[in-house]
Amino acid sequence: MDLVKVLQQLHEELENLDAAIHSLERLQQTTRRRGRREDWLAEIRKPAHSARKRKIVFKPQEAG
């Protein structure tokens, strides 16, 4: 068992948990407002570029 590797993984998990907690606290503090969303909330809800699906349209080839 490599303790350095385990510690590194735990630190990464701690950073992820801190980020999740921070995001949830910010969501709790926001109230419904009229108008545009806050920038950070819009960024969270944007799908990642790789997650977007593209429609592929097949054009039938003309005979002849």
Protein backbone atom coordinates (compact mmCIF):
# COMPACT_ATOMS: atom_id res chain seq x y z
CA MET A 1 0.00 0.00 0.00
CA ASP A 2 1.46 3.30 -1.09
CA LEU A 3 0.53 5.89 1.52
CA VAL A 4 1.54 8.83 -0.65
CA LYS A 5 -0.86 7.69 -3.37
CA VAL A 6 -3.67 7.15 -0.85
CA LEU A 7 -3.12 10.60 0.66
CA GLN A 8 -3.16 12.18 -2.79
CA GLN A 9 -6.47 10.51 -3.62
CA LEU A 10 -7.97 11.61 -0.31
CA HIS A 11 -6.90 15.21 -0.90
CA GLU A 12 -8.50 15.13 -4.36
CA GLU A 13 -11.71 13.75 -2.90
CA LEU A 14 -11.65 16.44 -0.21
CA GLU A 15 -11.38 19.13 -2.90
CA ASN A 16 -14.33 17.60 -4.76
CA LEU A 17 -16.43 17.49 -1.59
CA ASP A 18 -15.55 21.08 -0.72
CA ALA A 19 -16.58 22.21 -4.19
CA ALA A 20 -19.88 20.31 -3.93
CA ILE A 21 -20.62 21.74 -0.50
CA HIS A 22 -19.80 25.26 -1.68
CA SER A 23 -22.10 24.89 -4.71
CA LEU A 24 -24.97 23.61 -2.59
CA GLU A 25 -24.55 26.44 -0.10
CA ARG A 26 -24.69 28.98 -2.93
CA LEU A 27 -27.81 27.34 -4.33
CA GLN A 28 -29.43 27.50 -0.91
CA GLN A 29 -28.68 31.20 -0.58
CA THR A 30 -30.07 32.17 -3.98
CA THR A 31 -33.69 33.14 -4.10
CA ARG A 32 -35.96 33.23 -7.07
CA ARG A 33 -35.40 36.46 -8.90
CA ARG A 34 -36.81 37.83 -12.06
CA GLY A 35 -34.51 38.24 -14.98
CA ARG A 36 -31.32 36.52 -15.99
CA ARG A 37 -29.65 33.82 -13.94
CA GLU A 38 -26.45 34.53 -12.13
CA ASP A 39 -23.36 33.77 -14.22
CA TRP A 40 -22.07 30.98 -12.02
CA LEU A 41 -25.41 29.20 -12.10
CA ALA A 42 -25.63 29.43 -15.86
CA GLU A 43 -22.13 27.93 -16.14
CA ILE A 44 -23.08 24.99 -13.91
CA ARG A 45 -26.14 24.15 -15.97
CA LYS A 46 -24.42 24.33 -19.37
CA PRO A 47 -23.79 20.89 -20.81
CA ALA A 48 -20.18 20.07 -21.47
CA HIS A 49 -19.14 20.37 -25.10
CA SER A 50 -18.45 16.65 -25.31
CA ALA A 51 -21.85 15.85 -23.81
CA ARG A 52 -23.76 17.62 -26.56
CA LYS A 53 -25.30 15.32 -29.10
CA ARG A 54 -25.28 16.20 -32.75
CA LYS A 55 -28.00 15.18 -35.14
CA ILE A 56 -26.70 13.26 -38.07
CA VAL A 57 -28.87 13.62 -41.12
CA PHE A 58 -28.49 10.99 -43.80
CA LYS A 59 -29.32 12.18 -47.28
CA PRO A 60 -30.48 9.47 -49.64
CA GLN A 61 -28.31 9.18 -52.70
CA GLU A 62 -30.05 9.74 -55.97
CA ALA A 63 -29.99 6.87 -58.39
CA GLY A 64 -28.61 7.61 -61.68
